Protein backbone atom coordinates (compact mmCIF):
# COMPACT_ATOMS: atom_id res chain seq x y z
CA MET A 1 9.14 116.69 43.62
CA ASP A 2 10.52 113.32 45.13
CA GLU A 3 6.92 111.94 44.88
CA VAL A 4 6.66 112.87 41.24
CA PHE A 5 9.74 111.18 40.20
CA LYS A 6 8.94 108.27 42.18
CA ALA A 7 5.57 107.89 40.69
CA LEU A 8 7.00 108.36 37.20
CA GLY A 9 9.69 105.62 37.70
CA ASP A 10 7.18 102.74 37.30
CA PRO A 11 6.07 101.81 33.78
CA THR A 12 2.52 100.85 34.95
CA ARG A 13 2.02 104.27 36.32
CA ARG A 14 3.47 105.88 33.12
CA TYR A 15 0.95 103.78 31.28
CA LEU A 16 -1.93 104.91 33.34
CA LEU A 17 -0.97 108.53 32.60
CA ASP A 18 -0.91 107.68 28.88
CA LEU A 19 -4.34 106.16 29.11
CA LEU A 20 -5.71 109.40 30.78
CA ARG A 21 -3.89 111.48 28.16
CA GLU A 22 -5.66 109.52 25.47
CA ARG A 23 -9.09 109.95 27.20
CA ASN A 24 -9.40 111.78 30.32
CA GLY A 25 -12.08 111.26 33.04
CA GLN A 26 -11.98 107.46 33.13
CA THR A 27 -13.27 105.43 36.04
CA LEU A 28 -11.24 102.63 37.65
CA GLY A 29 -13.15 100.02 35.85
CA GLU A 30 -12.41 101.73 32.32
CA LEU A 31 -8.63 101.83 33.27
CA CYS A 32 -8.62 98.29 34.49
CA GLU A 33 -9.93 97.14 31.05
CA ARG A 34 -6.55 98.11 29.53
CA LEU A 35 -4.35 96.73 32.38
CA ASP A 36 -3.48 93.15 33.23
CA MET A 37 -3.83 93.39 36.90
CA THR A 38 -6.41 93.42 39.53
CA ARG A 39 -8.51 96.29 40.56
CA GLN A 40 -6.71 96.44 44.00
CA SER A 41 -3.29 96.71 42.35
CA ALA A 42 -4.47 99.44 40.00
CA THR A 43 -6.00 101.27 42.91
CA GLN A 44 -2.46 101.37 44.64
CA HIS A 45 -0.95 102.74 41.47
CA LEU A 46 -3.35 105.38 41.18
CA GLY A 47 -3.03 106.22 44.86
CA ILE A 48 0.63 106.84 44.46
CA LEU A 49 -0.08 109.12 41.30
CA GLU A 50 -2.68 111.12 43.38
CA ALA A 51 -0.25 111.44 46.17
CA ALA A 52 2.35 112.93 43.67
CA ASN A 53 -0.48 115.19 42.37
CA LEU A 54 -0.22 113.64 38.76
CA VAL A 55 -3.78 112.45 38.83
CA SER A 56 -6.84 114.16 40.33
CA THR A 57 -10.30 112.77 40.87
CA VAL A 58 -13.93 114.15 40.78
CA ARG A 59 -16.94 112.38 42.03
CA ARG A 60 -19.80 112.18 39.62
CA GLY A 61 -22.63 110.24 41.35
CA ARG A 62 -21.40 106.86 42.22
CA GLU A 63 -18.40 107.11 39.87
CA LYS A 64 -14.85 108.29 40.59
CA LEU A 65 -13.45 109.94 37.60
CA HIS A 66 -9.72 110.22 37.07
CA TYR A 67 -7.81 113.16 35.35
CA LEU A 68 -4.35 113.73 34.44
CA ASN A 69 -2.84 116.71 36.07
CA PRO A 70 -0.05 118.39 34.35
CA VAL A 71 0.73 120.95 36.94
CA PRO A 72 3.68 119.02 38.52
CA LEU A 73 5.17 118.51 35.15
CA HIS A 74 4.89 122.20 34.35
CA GLU A 75 6.80 123.10 37.75
CA ILE A 76 9.55 120.65 36.71
CA SER A 77 9.88 122.10 33.27
CA GLU A 78 9.99 125.66 34.92
CA ARG A 79 12.84 124.58 37.13
CA TRP A 80 15.01 122.79 34.59
CA ILE A 81 13.94 123.52 31.12
CA ALA A 82 12.11 126.93 30.75
CA ARG A 83 14.90 129.17 31.56
CA PHE A 84 16.87 127.72 28.61
CA GLU A 85 13.88 127.37 26.11
CA ARG A 86 11.11 129.76 27.16
CA PRO A 87 9.31 129.65 23.68
CA ARG A 88 8.93 125.87 24.14
CA LEU A 89 7.40 126.00 27.47
CA SER A 90 3.74 125.46 26.77
CA ALA A 91 4.46 122.76 24.36
CA LEU A 92 6.64 120.91 26.98
CA SER A 93 4.05 121.19 29.67
CA ALA A 94 0.72 121.12 28.01
CA VAL A 95 -1.14 117.72 28.03
CA LYS A 96 -3.96 117.56 25.57
CA ARG A 97 -7.14 116.24 27.18
CA LYS A 98 -9.97 115.12 24.91
CA ALA A 99 -13.57 115.35 26.16
CA GLU A 100 -15.70 112.34 25.63
CA ASP A 101 -18.39 112.69 22.97
CA GLY A 102 -21.65 113.10 24.45
CA MET A 103 -20.47 113.42 28.02
CA SER A 104 -21.03 117.00 28.78
CA ASP A 105 -21.78 116.39 32.28
CA LYS A 106 -18.11 115.41 32.86
CA PRO A 107 -15.51 118.07 33.58
CA SER A 108 -13.67 119.02 30.45
CA TYR A 109 -10.54 119.96 32.30
CA VAL A 110 -9.44 119.61 35.99
CA TYR A 111 -6.36 121.02 37.39
CA VAL A 112 -5.15 120.55 41.12
CA THR A 113 -2.27 122.39 42.93
CA TYR A 114 -1.23 122.73 46.34
CA ILE A 115 -0.24 126.16 47.56
CA GLU A 116 1.51 127.10 50.88
CA SER A 117 -1.03 129.79 51.80
CA THR A 118 -4.41 130.42 53.32
CA PRO A 119 -7.90 130.01 51.82
CA ASP A 120 -8.38 133.72 52.30
CA LYS A 121 -5.16 134.87 50.49
CA VAL A 122 -5.92 132.40 47.66
CA TRP A 123 -9.33 133.88 47.24
CA GLU A 124 -7.96 137.38 47.26
CA ALA A 125 -5.48 136.26 44.56
CA LEU A 126 -8.35 135.08 42.41
CA THR A 127 -10.51 138.13 42.72
CA ASP A 128 -8.19 141.11 43.24
CA ALA A 129 -7.53 143.07 40.06
CA ASP A 130 -4.10 144.08 40.97
CA LEU A 131 -2.94 140.66 42.02
CA THR A 132 -4.39 138.87 38.96
CA ALA A 133 -2.56 141.53 36.79
CA ARG A 134 0.68 140.33 38.44
CA TYR A 135 0.46 136.56 37.78
CA TRP A 136 -2.17 136.42 34.88
CA GLY A 137 -1.13 139.16 32.71
CA HIS A 138 -4.64 140.55 32.75
CA SER A 139 -6.85 142.12 35.53
CA ASN A 140 -9.72 140.21 36.67
CA VAL A 141 -12.34 142.90 37.33
CA SER A 142 -15.74 142.42 39.15
CA ASP A 143 -17.53 142.97 42.43
CA TRP A 144 -17.60 139.07 42.69
CA GLN A 145 -21.17 138.86 43.71
CA SER A 146 -23.64 136.21 42.31
CA GLY A 147 -25.19 137.48 39.13
CA SER A 148 -22.47 140.20 38.52
CA LYS A 149 -20.50 140.49 35.42
CA TRP A 150 -16.71 139.91 35.32
CA GLU A 151 -14.07 141.01 32.85
CA HIS A 152 -10.50 139.74 31.96
CA VAL A 153 -8.94 143.15 31.14
CA ARG A 154 -5.77 143.91 29.27
CA LEU A 155 -3.01 145.84 31.12
CA ASP A 156 -2.27 148.25 28.27
CA GLY A 157 -4.65 150.94 29.20
CA SER A 158 -6.98 150.11 26.41
CA GLY A 159 -9.76 148.86 28.70
CA ILE A 160 -10.31 145.84 26.22
CA ALA A 161 -11.61 142.72 27.95
CA ASP A 162 -10.48 139.61 26.15
CA VAL A 163 -12.88 137.49 28.23
CA THR A 164 -16.21 138.41 29.87
CA GLY A 165 -18.67 136.35 31.90
CA THR A 166 -20.99 136.11 34.76
CA VAL A 167 -20.35 135.30 38.39
CA VAL A 168 -22.46 132.12 38.97
CA GLU A 169 -21.44 131.44 42.62
CA SER A 170 -19.40 133.32 44.99
CA THR A 171 -18.67 131.74 48.43
CA PRO A 172 -15.60 133.30 49.88
CA PRO A 173 -13.05 131.86 50.50
CA LYS A 174 -14.20 128.35 49.37
CA ARG A 175 -15.60 128.49 45.98
CA LEU A 176 -15.98 130.77 42.90
CA VAL A 177 -17.96 129.90 39.74
CA THR A 178 -17.77 131.92 36.57
CA THR A 179 -18.98 131.63 32.97
CA TRP A 180 -16.64 132.38 30.18
CA ASP A 181 -18.27 133.90 27.06
CA SER A 182 -17.26 132.56 23.70
CA PRO A 183 -16.21 135.24 21.04
CA ASP A 184 -17.95 133.40 18.35
CA GLY A 185 -21.36 133.39 20.01
CA ALA A 186 -21.30 129.83 21.07
CA ALA A 187 -22.54 128.73 24.55
CA PRO A 188 -20.26 129.97 27.51
CA SER A 189 -17.90 127.72 29.10
CA GLN A 190 -17.77 127.55 33.02
CA VAL A 191 -14.77 127.60 35.40
CA THR A 192 -15.17 126.61 39.11
CA PHE A 193 -12.34 127.31 41.67
CA ASP A 194 -12.57 125.11 44.68
CA ILE A 195 -10.39 126.27 47.60
CA GLU A 196 -9.92 123.93 50.73
CA ARG A 197 -7.48 123.40 53.53
CA HIS A 198 -5.14 120.31 53.21
CA ASP A 199 -2.66 119.35 55.90
CA GLY A 200 -1.88 122.94 56.67
CA ILE A 201 -1.70 124.26 53.14
CA VAL A 202 -4.42 125.07 50.39
CA LYS A 203 -5.75 122.61 47.82
CA LEU A 204 -6.97 124.60 44.89
CA THR A 205 -8.98 122.72 42.20
CA VAL A 206 -9.92 124.50 38.91
CA THR A 207 -12.55 122.76 36.82
CA HIS A 208 -13.20 124.13 33.18
CA VAL A 209 -16.22 122.64 31.56
CA ASP A 210 -18.38 122.96 28.37
CA LEU A 211 -15.58 124.22 26.28
CA PRO A 212 -16.97 124.89 22.75
CA SER A 213 -14.34 123.49 20.54
CA GLU A 214 -11.20 121.40 20.38
CA SER A 215 -9.04 124.44 19.68
CA ASP A 216 -10.48 125.99 23.01
CA LEU A 217 -9.56 122.68 24.66
CA GLU A 218 -5.94 122.95 23.42
CA ALA A 219 -5.71 126.53 24.49
CA VAL A 220 -6.69 125.88 28.11
CA SER A 221 -4.45 122.80 28.09
CA GLY A 222 -1.46 125.33 27.82
CA GLY A 223 -3.01 128.10 29.86
CA TRP A 224 -4.19 126.77 33.04
CA PRO A 225 -0.81 124.90 34.06
CA ALA A 226 1.05 128.25 33.46
CA VAL A 227 -1.37 130.41 35.30
CA LEU A 228 -1.59 128.17 38.39
CA SER A 229 2.18 127.74 38.50
CA ASN A 230 2.50 131.61 38.41
CA LEU A 231 -0.18 131.94 41.09
CA LYS A 232 1.57 129.44 43.34
CA SER A 233 4.93 131.17 42.81
CA LEU A 234 3.47 134.52 43.75
CA LEU A 235 1.74 133.38 46.84
CA GLU A 236 4.74 131.36 48.12
CA THR A 237 7.71 133.67 47.05
CA GLY A 238 6.23 136.93 46.21
CA LYS A 239 7.60 136.50 42.66
CA THR A 240 6.01 135.25 39.52
CA LEU A 241 7.55 132.78 36.96
CA SER A 242 6.53 134.76 33.94
CA THR A 243 4.84 138.12 33.05
CA ASP A 244 2.20 136.76 30.78
CA PRO A 245 1.59 133.13 31.22
CA TRP A 246 -1.64 132.97 29.21
CA THR A 247 -2.62 135.48 26.58
CA VAL A 248 -6.33 134.97 25.76
CA GLY A 249 -7.82 136.23 22.52
């Protein structure tokens, strides 16, 4: 966590995070328009934020888009705040991200977390019904073949699936893409899990696109940080931080 506190200690870097909170997915040029500094200086500040995992980036053609990543902030709140004020956890850690109007090709939400594990174990944690039940509060059920259905099933024995969808791509243990059906009949959103080795550990990037409404955006802003922190804790310690980090539906 030292890198996180170091990154947050500079007012310029905090301002960059504020700019991304206002409008996520900005390029370096767009951020520099609001800063009184050179592109080189801004790049250095963004590099420190990326090293602290507070900012993640996604390439779209020739552009490099920057996204605020709230996972480290969630982990800080879990360590020092959540045990005292559990009902306020999601409000403290959630960072609202607004998608740009008319830019549906940009990711609506991007999270990056680093896990002391292996790609195979992370893949298993994402696709095994029993493991997802432990850290997600629901079982993710499918044969995980491209074109197959998948379900996010309650653990109360009712068999009710709060989320359903289709497996778009399944490339173990590197990449999993699924659609998430909307209960109101809107077009489905899509979630991509990218798993890659990074300096002896695993970098997990979760990209959630095409969310149908602002309320859905708010829901995932509180959900994904909690789910990812719970997953990270389970794989690294064998224990979860909470029993039901994200109740869907």
